[in-house]
Amino acid sequence: MAPAVDSRLAILAVLPASFVVITYLKRFIRNRRNKPHLLPGPVPLPLLGNVLSINTKEPWLTYTEWAATYGDLLFVRLLGQEVVVINSQHVAEALLDKRARIYCDRPYLATLKPYGWSVNFGFANYSDEWRLCRRLFHQTFRPESALKFRPMQIKRAHEMIVNLIDDPQHYHSHFATFSSSVAMSVIYDYQTSPRDDPLVRIVEDAVAIGFQVVTPERAILLKTFPFLLKLPDWCWGSSIKREAQASTNHMTEMTEMPFLYTKQHMAENLALGQFSMVAENLQRIEKQEQISRPLFEDALKKAATTGIIGSYETTTSVLMAFALAMVFYPNVQKRAQAEIDSVVGRDRLPTFEDRASLPYVESVLRETLRWQPVGPFVPRATSSDDIYDGYFIPKGTVVLCNLWGISRDEKRYPNASVFIPERFMDADGALTDDNPAEYMFGFGRRRCPGRHAADASIWSAIVTMLATVEFSFAKDSQGKVIEFTPQFTTGFIQYLFLFVSSSRH
C-alpha cells in the first residue's frame, strides 16, 4: 500500500505547483496579447540599426519611401537611438498637438554646444528658460504685433526688386538680404544696406556652416563617438573638430554683434531702437532686480538669435523654391502676373490691401510651401512613455515629423512632385481650406511663433516679384537655354541652386 499512498501524495504535492505554473502562463499570454506592440519598421542590423539603409543626404526621401510599406507612423533605429517618424498631418496633430505635453521636448543633440548652436532656443528642452525665450519672442511676433511690420516688409521687397533687376545673377544674396533686413529691423532696429551688408554676411556665414552639420544624423554620430571632437589635428576625422570651432566662432559673432549695436545706439540716444524687440526688453531689464538681469539678458540674446536664424533661413529658402518653380512652370508665372495686372494694374505695385483679391497668387504661395518644404523635419523627444493606436512609444524616443512625406501624399496631392497651385482652389476659383502653412510651421508648443510675420514677408516678396520681374532659364553667349537640374543640400533646411530674372516692363 505504501507505493500507492506515496504516488497520491506526490500528485497532491504537484497540483499546487501546476496550478501556479498554469496561472502564470495564462497571465503571461494575456499580458502578451494586451501589451502594446512596438511600431512597424525596417529590420535593424545589430549595433548599426538602420543607418546604412538611409539616404544620408536626403533622409526624408528614405522615410517617405518606408511610409508606403510601414504606414504613417514607423520605427527605425539609428545606431543606439530609437526613432519614430511621423508621415501624416493627422498623426502629427494627434501626437504633437493633442499630446503636446509628451512630445514638446527636444532630444539631446550632441552637436549643439560644440557647434555653438545652443544659443538657438528652438533646440532647447521644454523648461523655464525655454518658456522665457518664447514669451520674449511672442511679445514681438504675435499676430496683432506683426501687422506693424507690413510697411517695412513692402519697402524691403521693393529694395529687393531693384537689386534683382540691377544684378540678377546674385539672386540668392538679394533674397538673403531681404530676409535678414526684415528680421534685423524688427529685432534690433538695424537698417541693413541694400547690398553687401556686413551683418547680413555674418548671418549667411553662420547659417551656411551650421545647417550643413547640425543634423539629427550628425548629432547621433557625435553622441555615439564623442571622441571625434578630441582628435588631434593631424588625425583622420579631425575635420569635425575644426568645423565645430568655425561654427562656434560664426555663431558667437552673429549673436553678439547686432546685440551690441542695439546697446550702443540706446546709450547714444534712448529714442533710437525703442521699437525693436531687443531695445524694448533691455529697457525692461533696467527695472528688474540686479540678480536676475544676466539671466534675462541671456534669454533675450537667445530669442533674438533664434529669430534671425528662423527668419533668414525660412524666408530665403521659400523664395528660392518660388523662383525655381517660376522657371520650370512659366505658365503658372504668367497666370499669376495676369491676375495682378487685372486687380492692381500696372500703375502701382501690390500692397497687403490687395491680398484678399489675389487668390491665385495665394495659391502659388501655398504650393511653394508644399512643393519644397523648408524644413523636412526638426527632431523632438518623448518626455514619458506613450501608447498610440495600440503601439508603444518609449520615453526618450526621438520623434521626426517628416514634412516632405506629408507634402508628398498622393491621395491628398495628386501628382505631388508637380507644381500645381490650382490644387488649392475650388471649381469657382476660391481658395480651399487646405493650407500647407498649417503643418509647415510646426505643431503644438513648438509651432513657430513668428509664422505670421514670416507669412507676410514671403507674400510681400512673392507678389512684388510677380508684378515686376520674370524668372527664366539663363542663356549662353549664343542665346541657347542653359538647362540645369535642381540640387539640394543637406540639413534641416534645403537650398536650391539656379537662373536669371529680368524686368517685366
Protein backbone atom coordinates (compact mmCIF):
# COMPACT_ATOMS: atom_id res chain seq x y z
CA MET A 1 0.00 0.00 0.00
CA ALA A 2 2.90 2.32 0.63
CA PRO A 3 3.69 2.91 -3.02
CA ALA A 4 0.08 3.86 -3.78
CA VAL A 5 0.00 6.28 -0.88
CA ASP A 6 3.28 7.83 -1.97
CA SER A 7 2.01 8.34 -5.51
CA ARG A 8 -1.17 10.03 -4.28
CA LEU A 9 0.88 12.29 -2.03
CA ALA A 10 3.15 13.12 -4.94
CA ILE A 11 0.16 14.07 -7.08
CA LEU A 12 -1.24 16.24 -4.30
CA ALA A 13 2.13 17.93 -3.97
CA VAL A 14 2.40 18.60 -7.70
CA LEU A 15 -1.12 20.01 -8.12
CA PRO A 16 -0.46 23.35 -6.36
CA ALA A 17 2.74 23.84 -8.33
CA SER A 18 0.94 23.00 -11.57
CA PHE A 19 -1.80 25.45 -10.70
CA VAL A 20 0.79 28.20 -10.14
CA VAL A 21 2.52 27.44 -13.44
CA ILE A 22 -0.76 27.36 -15.40
CA THR A 23 -1.92 30.61 -13.78
CA TYR A 24 1.40 32.27 -14.64
CA LEU A 25 1.26 31.04 -18.24
CA LYS A 26 -2.29 32.34 -18.66
CA ARG A 27 -1.29 35.72 -17.25
CA PHE A 28 1.82 35.80 -19.45
CA ILE A 29 -0.19 35.02 -22.57
CA ARG A 30 -2.89 37.56 -21.63
CA ASN A 31 -0.32 40.27 -20.93
CA ARG A 32 1.49 39.48 -24.14
CA ARG A 33 -1.75 39.80 -26.07
CA ASN A 34 -2.71 43.04 -24.33
CA LYS A 35 0.77 44.58 -24.26
CA PRO A 36 1.13 47.29 -26.90
CA HIS A 37 3.49 46.45 -29.73
CA LEU A 38 6.41 48.49 -30.99
CA LEU A 39 5.75 50.37 -34.20
CA PRO A 40 6.41 48.65 -37.53
CA GLY A 41 9.58 49.49 -39.41
CA PRO A 42 12.53 48.07 -41.33
CA VAL A 43 14.52 45.34 -39.60
CA PRO A 44 17.59 46.91 -37.93
CA LEU A 45 21.09 45.46 -38.07
CA PRO A 46 22.89 44.67 -34.80
CA LEU A 47 24.59 47.78 -33.35
CA LEU A 48 24.18 49.84 -36.56
CA GLY A 49 20.41 49.67 -36.73
CA ASN A 50 19.00 51.08 -39.99
CA VAL A 51 21.69 53.69 -40.52
CA LEU A 52 23.15 52.00 -43.63
CA SER A 53 19.73 51.96 -45.34
CA ILE A 54 19.13 55.71 -45.07
CA ASN A 55 19.95 58.30 -47.72
CA THR A 56 22.23 60.47 -45.59
CA LYS A 57 21.96 63.47 -47.93
CA GLU A 58 18.16 63.39 -48.13
CA PRO A 59 16.93 61.11 -45.33
CA TRP A 60 13.34 62.38 -45.70
CA LEU A 61 13.20 60.57 -49.05
CA THR A 62 14.02 57.26 -47.35
CA TYR A 63 11.42 57.83 -44.62
CA THR A 64 8.79 58.71 -47.23
CA GLU A 65 9.58 55.52 -49.16
CA TRP A 66 9.34 53.43 -45.99
CA ALA A 67 5.99 55.04 -45.14
CA ALA A 68 4.48 53.33 -48.19
CA THR A 69 5.37 49.98 -46.59
CA TYR A 70 5.06 50.59 -42.85
CA GLY A 71 2.46 53.34 -42.61
CA ASP A 72 2.09 56.88 -41.30
CA LEU A 73 3.99 56.09 -38.10
CA LEU A 74 7.12 53.95 -38.31
CA PHE A 75 10.04 52.92 -36.13
CA VAL A 76 13.74 52.95 -37.03
CA ARG A 77 16.93 52.56 -35.05
CA LEU A 78 19.95 54.74 -35.79
CA LEU A 79 22.95 53.23 -34.04
CA GLY A 80 21.68 53.07 -30.45
CA GLN A 81 18.91 55.64 -30.82
CA GLU A 82 15.23 54.73 -31.19
CA VAL A 83 13.49 56.99 -33.71
CA VAL A 84 9.81 57.33 -34.61
CA VAL A 85 8.94 59.00 -37.92
CA ILE A 86 5.55 60.69 -38.47
CA ASN A 87 4.45 60.76 -42.10
CA SER A 88 0.95 62.29 -41.99
CA GLN A 89 -0.63 65.51 -40.75
CA HIS A 90 -3.37 63.56 -38.95
CA VAL A 91 -0.88 61.62 -36.81
CA ALA A 92 1.23 64.74 -36.26
CA GLU A 93 -1.78 66.63 -34.90
CA ALA A 94 -2.84 63.66 -32.75
CA LEU A 95 0.57 63.42 -31.11
CA LEU A 96 2.27 66.82 -31.35
CA ASP A 97 -0.84 68.97 -30.83
CA LYS A 98 -3.16 66.92 -28.64
CA ARG A 99 -0.38 65.28 -26.61
CA ALA A 100 1.97 68.24 -26.63
CA ARG A 101 3.00 67.67 -23.02
CA ILE A 102 4.69 64.40 -24.00
CA TYR A 103 6.06 65.49 -27.37
CA CYS A 104 7.31 69.05 -26.78
CA ASP A 105 10.86 68.16 -25.69
CA ARG A 106 13.93 68.17 -27.89
CA PRO A 107 16.35 65.25 -27.90
CA TYR A 108 19.88 65.70 -26.69
CA LEU A 109 21.76 66.89 -29.77
CA ALA A 110 25.47 66.34 -29.28
CA THR A 111 26.20 68.94 -31.97
CA LEU A 112 24.55 71.96 -30.33
CA LYS A 113 27.16 73.01 -27.79
CA PRO A 114 30.29 72.07 -29.80
CA TYR A 115 28.97 73.91 -32.85
CA GLY A 116 27.75 76.97 -30.92
CA TRP A 117 24.07 76.35 -31.67
CA SER A 118 22.88 76.19 -28.08
CA VAL A 119 22.03 79.89 -28.48
CA ASN A 120 19.10 78.82 -30.66
CA PHE A 121 16.34 78.24 -28.11
CA GLY A 122 14.36 76.36 -30.74
CA PHE A 123 16.55 73.36 -29.95
CA ALA A 124 16.24 73.71 -26.17
CA ASN A 125 14.24 71.38 -23.95
CA TYR A 126 10.90 72.48 -22.56
CA SER A 127 11.97 74.40 -19.44
CA ASP A 128 11.64 77.72 -17.60
CA GLU A 129 14.35 79.21 -19.82
CA TRP A 130 12.60 77.99 -22.97
CA ARG A 131 9.30 79.49 -21.80
CA LEU A 132 11.02 82.83 -21.08
CA CYS A 133 12.65 82.90 -24.51
CA ARG A 134 9.40 82.06 -26.24
CA ARG A 135 7.50 84.69 -24.23
CA LEU A 136 10.01 87.37 -25.25
CA PHE A 137 9.69 86.26 -28.86
CA HIS A 138 5.91 86.04 -28.81
CA GLN A 139 5.53 89.57 -27.41
CA THR A 140 7.09 90.91 -30.59
CA PHE A 141 5.79 88.48 -33.19
CA ARG A 142 2.22 87.76 -32.07
CA PRO A 143 -0.36 88.30 -34.84
CA GLU A 144 -1.52 91.77 -33.81
CA SER A 145 2.07 92.99 -33.39
CA ALA A 146 3.13 91.56 -36.75
CA LEU A 147 0.71 93.93 -38.50
CA LYS A 148 3.08 96.81 -37.65
CA PHE A 149 5.80 95.28 -39.83
CA ARG A 150 3.85 95.41 -43.08
CA PRO A 151 5.01 98.84 -44.38
CA MET A 152 8.62 97.87 -43.72
CA GLN A 153 8.15 94.47 -45.40
CA ILE A 154 6.77 96.12 -48.54
CA LYS A 155 9.63 98.63 -48.54
CA ARG A 156 12.25 95.88 -48.25
CA ALA A 157 10.54 93.90 -51.02
CA HIS A 158 10.83 96.93 -53.32
CA GLU A 159 14.54 97.23 -52.50
CA MET A 160 14.99 93.54 -53.32
CA ILE A 161 13.39 94.06 -56.73
CA VAL A 162 15.82 96.86 -57.57
CA ASN A 163 18.70 94.55 -56.70
CA LEU A 164 17.26 91.69 -58.78
CA ILE A 165 16.88 93.92 -61.83
CA ASP A 166 20.33 95.51 -61.46
CA ASP A 167 22.15 92.28 -60.59
CA PRO A 168 20.04 89.21 -61.44
CA GLN A 169 22.92 86.74 -61.15
CA HIS A 170 23.19 87.13 -57.37
CA TYR A 171 19.54 86.37 -56.63
CA HIS A 172 20.37 84.28 -53.55
CA SER A 173 22.21 87.20 -51.96
CA HIS A 174 19.26 89.50 -52.67
CA PHE A 175 16.80 87.03 -51.15
CA ALA A 176 19.06 86.68 -48.10
CA THR A 177 19.34 90.45 -47.71
CA PHE A 178 15.55 90.81 -47.85
CA SER A 179 15.00 88.04 -45.31
CA SER A 180 17.63 89.35 -42.91
CA SER A 181 16.69 93.01 -43.28
CA VAL A 182 13.12 92.42 -42.13
CA ALA A 183 14.20 90.41 -39.09
CA MET A 184 17.06 92.74 -38.12
CA SER A 185 14.81 95.77 -38.31
CA VAL A 186 12.20 94.18 -36.04
CA ILE A 187 14.62 92.57 -33.60
CA TYR A 188 17.48 95.08 -33.42
CA ASP A 189 16.18 98.17 -35.29
CA TYR A 190 19.19 97.68 -37.54
CA GLN A 191 18.68 99.03 -41.04
CA THR A 192 20.61 96.87 -43.48
CA SER A 193 22.31 98.18 -46.59
CA PRO A 194 20.56 97.22 -49.84
CA ARG A 195 23.61 95.15 -50.77
CA ASP A 196 26.67 93.58 -49.14
CA ASP A 197 25.65 94.43 -45.60
CA PRO A 198 28.29 93.24 -43.08
CA LEU A 199 25.79 91.87 -40.56
CA VAL A 200 23.86 90.05 -43.28
CA ARG A 201 27.13 88.45 -44.36
CA ILE A 202 27.74 87.31 -40.78
CA VAL A 203 24.31 85.68 -40.66
CA GLU A 204 24.86 83.99 -44.04
CA ASP A 205 28.21 82.56 -42.95
CA ALA A 206 26.89 81.29 -39.62
CA VAL A 207 23.82 79.64 -41.08
CA ALA A 208 25.65 78.22 -44.10
CA ILE A 209 28.03 76.16 -41.98
CA GLY A 210 25.56 75.47 -39.20
CA PHE A 211 22.79 73.86 -41.20
CA GLN A 212 25.30 71.68 -43.00
CA VAL A 213 26.39 70.00 -39.79
CA VAL A 214 23.69 70.41 -37.12
CA THR A 215 21.61 67.49 -38.35
CA PRO A 216 19.98 64.60 -36.47
CA GLU A 217 22.34 62.16 -38.18
CA ARG A 218 25.45 64.15 -37.20
CA ALA A 219 24.13 64.52 -33.65
CA ILE A 220 23.68 60.76 -33.29
CA LEU A 221 27.18 60.21 -34.68
CA LEU A 222 28.76 62.51 -32.08
CA LYS A 223 26.60 61.10 -29.30
CA THR A 224 27.89 57.63 -30.15
CA PHE A 225 31.51 58.66 -30.82
CA PRO A 226 32.17 61.82 -28.75
CA PHE A 227 35.94 61.33 -29.05
CA LEU A 228 35.72 62.68 -32.63
CA LEU A 229 35.73 66.19 -31.15
CA LYS A 230 39.01 65.49 -29.33
CA LEU A 231 41.11 64.02 -32.12
CA PRO A 232 44.47 65.74 -32.78
CA ASP A 233 44.59 67.94 -35.87
CA TRP A 234 46.81 65.50 -37.79
CA CYS A 235 44.43 62.58 -37.26
CA TRP A 236 41.90 61.36 -39.82
CA GLY A 237 38.44 62.60 -38.82
CA SER A 238 39.69 65.73 -37.06
CA SER A 239 37.87 67.90 -39.61
CA ILE A 240 34.78 67.56 -37.40
CA LYS A 241 36.56 69.41 -34.62
CA ARG A 242 37.63 72.19 -36.99
CA GLU A 243 34.10 72.51 -38.35
CA ALA A 244 32.78 72.80 -34.80
CA GLN A 245 35.20 75.57 -33.90
CA ALA A 246 34.46 77.52 -37.09
CA SER A 247 30.72 77.19 -36.50
CA THR A 248 31.07 78.36 -32.89
CA ASN A 249 33.04 81.43 -33.96
CA HIS A 250 30.41 82.39 -36.54
CA MET A 251 27.53 81.86 -34.13
CA THR A 252 29.19 83.95 -31.42
CA GLU A 253 29.75 86.77 -33.89
CA MET A 254 26.14 86.60 -35.09
CA THR A 255 24.81 86.66 -31.53
CA GLU A 256 26.97 89.41 -30.08
CA MET A 257 27.49 91.99 -32.83
CA PRO A 258 23.87 93.07 -33.53
CA PHE A 259 23.08 92.90 -29.81
CA LEU A 260 26.00 95.23 -29.11
CA TYR A 261 24.80 97.51 -31.92
CA THR A 262 21.42 97.99 -30.22
CA LYS A 263 23.04 98.62 -26.83
CA GLN A 264 25.34 101.27 -28.26
CA HIS A 265 22.52 103.08 -30.03
CA MET A 266 20.40 103.03 -26.90
CA ALA A 267 23.28 104.58 -24.98
CA GLU A 268 23.71 107.30 -27.61
CA ASN A 269 20.04 108.13 -27.87
CA LEU A 270 17.27 106.35 -26.00
CA ALA A 271 14.82 107.30 -28.75
CA LEU A 272 16.69 105.05 -31.17
CA GLY A 273 15.71 101.41 -31.21
CA GLN A 274 12.79 101.81 -28.84
CA PHE A 275 10.55 99.81 -31.19
CA SER A 276 12.87 96.82 -31.54
CA MET A 277 12.47 93.61 -29.60
CA VAL A 278 15.91 93.88 -28.03
CA ALA A 279 15.66 97.56 -27.11
CA GLU A 280 12.23 97.26 -25.51
CA ASN A 281 13.31 94.31 -23.39
CA LEU A 282 16.62 95.89 -22.41
CA GLN A 283 14.61 98.79 -21.04
CA ARG A 284 12.54 96.31 -19.03
CA ILE A 285 15.71 94.75 -17.63
CA GLU A 286 16.64 98.06 -16.03
CA LYS A 287 13.54 97.79 -13.84
CA GLN A 288 14.37 94.28 -12.62
CA GLU A 289 16.43 93.18 -9.66
CA GLN A 290 20.17 93.12 -10.32
CA ILE A 291 20.44 89.39 -9.66
CA SER A 292 18.00 88.42 -12.42
CA ARG A 293 19.38 90.69 -15.15
CA PRO A 294 22.10 88.35 -16.52
CA LEU A 295 19.62 85.50 -16.92
CA PHE A 296 17.09 87.77 -18.63
CA GLU A 297 19.71 89.24 -20.97
CA ASP A 298 20.99 85.78 -21.90
CA ALA A 299 17.44 84.67 -22.71
CA LEU A 300 16.94 87.83 -24.78
CA LYS A 301 20.10 87.09 -26.79
CA LYS A 302 18.87 83.58 -27.48
CA ALA A 303 15.41 84.77 -28.50
CA ALA A 304 16.91 87.40 -30.82
CA THR A 305 19.39 84.99 -32.42
CA THR A 306 16.69 82.38 -32.91
CA GLY A 307 14.50 84.96 -34.63
CA ILE A 308 17.28 85.96 -37.02
CA ILE A 309 18.10 82.35 -37.92
CA GLY A 310 14.48 81.36 -38.38
CA SER A 311 13.54 84.38 -40.47
CA TYR A 312 16.64 84.28 -42.63
CA GLU A 313 16.60 80.58 -43.40
CA THR A 314 12.86 80.07 -43.77
CA THR A 315 12.17 83.10 -45.96
CA THR A 316 15.29 82.74 -48.10
CA SER A 317 14.63 79.07 -48.80
CA VAL A 318 10.97 79.66 -49.68
CA LEU A 319 11.89 82.45 -52.10
CA MET A 320 14.48 80.21 -53.74
CA ALA A 321 11.86 77.49 -54.17
CA PHE A 322 9.40 80.04 -55.60
CA ALA A 323 11.92 81.32 -58.15
CA LEU A 324 12.76 77.76 -59.16
CA ALA A 325 9.08 76.98 -59.69
CA MET A 326 8.61 80.05 -61.87
CA VAL A 327 11.50 78.94 -64.08
CA PHE A 328 10.17 75.41 -64.54
CA TYR A 329 6.48 76.37 -64.69
CA PRO A 330 6.26 79.57 -66.79
CA ASN A 331 2.51 79.20 -67.34
CA VAL A 332 1.97 79.50 -63.58
CA GLN A 333 4.07 82.66 -63.58
CA LYS A 334 2.06 84.13 -66.46
CA ARG A 335 -1.31 83.37 -64.85
CA ALA A 336 -0.25 84.93 -61.53
CA GLN A 337 1.04 88.02 -63.34
CA ALA A 338 -2.20 88.31 -65.28
CA GLU A 339 -4.19 88.22 -62.05
CA ILE A 340 -2.05 91.01 -60.57
CA ASP A 341 -2.38 93.12 -63.73
CA SER A 342 -6.16 92.65 -63.66
CA VAL A 343 -6.62 93.51 -59.98
CA VAL A 344 -3.83 96.00 -59.31
CA GLY A 345 -2.99 97.32 -62.75
CA ARG A 346 0.46 98.41 -63.87
CA ASP A 347 0.48 101.90 -62.41
CA ARG A 348 1.36 100.76 -58.90
CA LEU A 349 2.74 97.76 -57.01
CA PRO A 350 0.60 95.41 -54.91
CA THR A 351 0.07 96.07 -51.21
CA PHE A 352 -1.40 93.99 -48.40
CA GLU A 353 -4.79 95.58 -49.10
CA ASP A 354 -4.80 93.63 -52.39
CA ARG A 355 -4.09 90.23 -50.86
CA ALA A 356 -7.68 89.04 -50.50
CA SER A 357 -8.33 89.89 -54.16
CA LEU A 358 -5.41 87.78 -55.44
CA PRO A 359 -6.42 84.15 -54.75
CA TYR A 360 -4.20 82.66 -57.45
CA VAL A 361 -1.13 84.39 -56.04
CA GLU A 362 -2.15 82.99 -52.66
CA SER A 363 -2.37 79.51 -54.13
CA VAL A 364 1.11 79.95 -55.62
CA LEU A 365 2.43 80.76 -52.14
CA ARG A 366 0.72 77.68 -50.68
CA GLU A 367 2.04 75.43 -53.42
CA THR A 368 5.55 76.79 -52.90
CA LEU A 369 5.41 75.82 -49.23
CA ARG A 370 4.17 72.35 -50.14
CA TRP A 371 6.33 71.69 -53.19
CA GLN A 372 9.66 72.21 -51.45
CA PRO A 373 9.22 72.02 -47.65
CA VAL A 374 11.65 74.36 -45.94
CA GLY A 375 12.42 72.10 -43.00
CA PRO A 376 11.76 68.43 -43.82
CA PHE A 377 11.99 67.70 -40.08
CA VAL A 378 13.33 69.00 -36.79
CA PRO A 379 13.62 66.34 -34.07
CA ARG A 380 11.58 66.12 -30.89
CA ALA A 381 11.76 63.69 -27.97
CA THR A 382 9.17 61.99 -25.78
CA SER A 383 9.29 63.03 -22.12
CA SER A 384 7.38 59.91 -21.00
CA ASP A 385 6.09 56.59 -22.33
CA ASP A 386 3.08 56.80 -24.62
CA ILE A 387 0.68 54.47 -26.40
CA TYR A 388 -0.85 55.47 -29.73
CA ASP A 389 -3.22 53.30 -31.73
CA GLY A 390 -2.09 50.26 -29.74
CA TYR A 391 1.61 50.91 -30.32
CA PHE A 392 4.13 51.61 -27.58
CA ILE A 393 6.40 54.67 -27.87
CA PRO A 394 9.06 54.63 -25.11
CA LYS A 395 10.29 57.64 -23.16
CA GLY A 396 13.35 59.24 -24.76
CA THR A 397 12.38 58.27 -28.30
CA VAL A 398 13.44 60.78 -30.98
CA VAL A 399 10.38 61.86 -32.99
CA LEU A 400 10.74 63.19 -36.53
CA CYS A 401 7.81 64.81 -38.31
CA ASN A 402 8.51 64.15 -41.98
CA LEU A 403 7.06 67.23 -43.66
CA TRP A 404 8.33 66.02 -47.01
CA GLY A 405 6.28 62.86 -46.60
CA ILE A 406 3.18 64.86 -45.66
CA SER A 407 3.62 67.08 -48.71
CA ARG A 408 4.01 64.04 -50.98
CA ASP A 409 0.76 62.30 -50.00
CA GLU A 410 -0.61 61.32 -53.43
CA LYS A 411 -4.13 60.84 -52.09
CA ARG A 412 -4.19 64.41 -50.87
CA TYR A 413 -1.93 65.91 -53.53
CA PRO A 414 -2.16 64.00 -56.85
CA ASN A 415 1.00 64.40 -58.95
CA ALA A 416 2.67 65.69 -55.81
CA SER A 417 6.04 66.26 -57.46
CA VAL A 418 4.46 68.72 -59.94
CA PHE A 419 3.92 72.40 -59.09
CA ILE A 420 0.12 72.84 -59.36
CA PRO A 421 -1.27 75.91 -57.50
CA GLU A 422 -4.78 75.06 -58.68
CA ARG A 423 -4.90 72.18 -56.19
CA PHE A 424 -5.67 74.81 -53.52
CA MET A 425 -8.61 76.32 -55.42
CA ASP A 426 -12.14 75.02 -55.91
CA ALA A 427 -14.15 74.93 -59.14
CA ASP A 428 -15.26 78.55 -58.59
CA GLY A 429 -11.70 79.82 -58.21
CA ALA A 430 -11.94 80.35 -54.46
CA LEU A 431 -9.28 79.14 -52.06
CA THR A 432 -9.90 75.84 -50.28
CA ASP A 433 -9.32 75.24 -46.57
CA ASP A 434 -6.14 73.24 -47.26
CA ASN A 435 -3.18 75.42 -46.32
CA PRO A 436 0.28 73.81 -46.05
CA ALA A 437 1.29 76.58 -43.64
CA GLU A 438 -0.75 74.69 -41.03
CA TYR A 439 1.91 71.99 -40.95
CA MET A 440 4.96 73.66 -42.46
CA PHE A 441 5.33 75.97 -39.44
CA GLY A 442 5.20 73.11 -36.96
CA PHE A 443 2.82 71.69 -34.38
CA GLY A 444 1.85 72.12 -30.75
CA ARG A 445 4.03 74.08 -28.35
CA ARG A 446 6.84 74.05 -30.89
CA ARG A 447 4.83 75.78 -33.63
CA CYS A 448 6.82 78.71 -34.99
CA PRO A 449 5.77 81.84 -33.03
CA GLY A 450 6.96 84.05 -35.89
CA ARG A 451 4.84 82.36 -38.55
CA HIS A 452 2.51 85.34 -39.05
CA ALA A 453 5.38 87.73 -39.75
CA ALA A 454 7.09 85.10 -41.93
CA ASP A 455 3.93 84.57 -43.97
CA ALA A 456 3.61 88.31 -44.56
CA SER A 457 7.27 88.65 -45.58
CA ILE A 458 7.03 85.76 -48.02
CA TRP A 459 3.80 87.10 -49.56
CA SER A 460 5.16 90.64 -49.95
CA ALA A 461 8.27 89.32 -51.70
CA ILE A 462 6.42 86.89 -53.99
CA VAL A 463 3.69 89.31 -55.09
CA THR A 464 6.22 92.10 -55.72
CA MET A 465 8.42 89.80 -57.82
CA LEU A 466 5.46 88.59 -59.85
CA ALA A 467 4.43 92.18 -60.52
CA THR A 468 7.84 93.35 -61.66
CA VAL A 469 10.17 90.59 -62.91
CA GLU A 470 10.14 87.35 -64.87
CA PHE A 471 12.20 84.29 -64.00
CA SER A 472 13.54 82.13 -66.82
CA PHE A 473 16.35 79.79 -67.76
CA ALA A 474 19.68 81.51 -68.27
CA LYS A 475 21.13 81.59 -71.79
CA ASP A 476 24.69 81.20 -73.01
CA SER A 477 26.60 83.64 -75.22
CA GLN A 478 24.90 82.16 -78.30
CA GLY A 479 21.43 82.63 -76.88
CA LYS A 480 20.83 78.96 -76.13
CA VAL A 481 18.99 77.99 -72.95
CA ILE A 482 21.24 76.61 -70.22
CA GLU A 483 19.31 73.73 -68.76
CA PHE A 484 20.02 72.52 -65.24
CA THR A 485 18.85 70.02 -62.68
CA PRO A 486 17.98 71.48 -59.26
CA GLN A 487 20.33 70.44 -56.48
CA PHE A 488 19.66 70.33 -52.77
CA THR A 489 21.88 70.46 -49.73
CA THR A 490 21.51 68.52 -46.53
CA GLY A 491 20.45 69.83 -43.14
CA PHE A 492 17.17 70.90 -41.64
CA ILE A 493 16.65 73.45 -44.39
CA GLN A 494 17.05 72.87 -48.11
CA TYR A 495 18.84 75.14 -50.56
CA LEU A 496 18.32 75.40 -54.30
CA PHE A 497 20.80 76.49 -56.92
CA LEU A 498 19.65 78.07 -60.16
CA PHE A 499 18.97 81.01 -63.27
CA VAL A 500 18.19 84.68 -64.06
CA SER A 501 15.45 87.25 -63.67
CA SER A 502 14.51 90.18 -65.87
CA SER A 503 12.20 93.18 -65.63
CA ARG A 504 8.65 92.80 -66.98
CA HIS A 505 8.46 96.43 -68.06
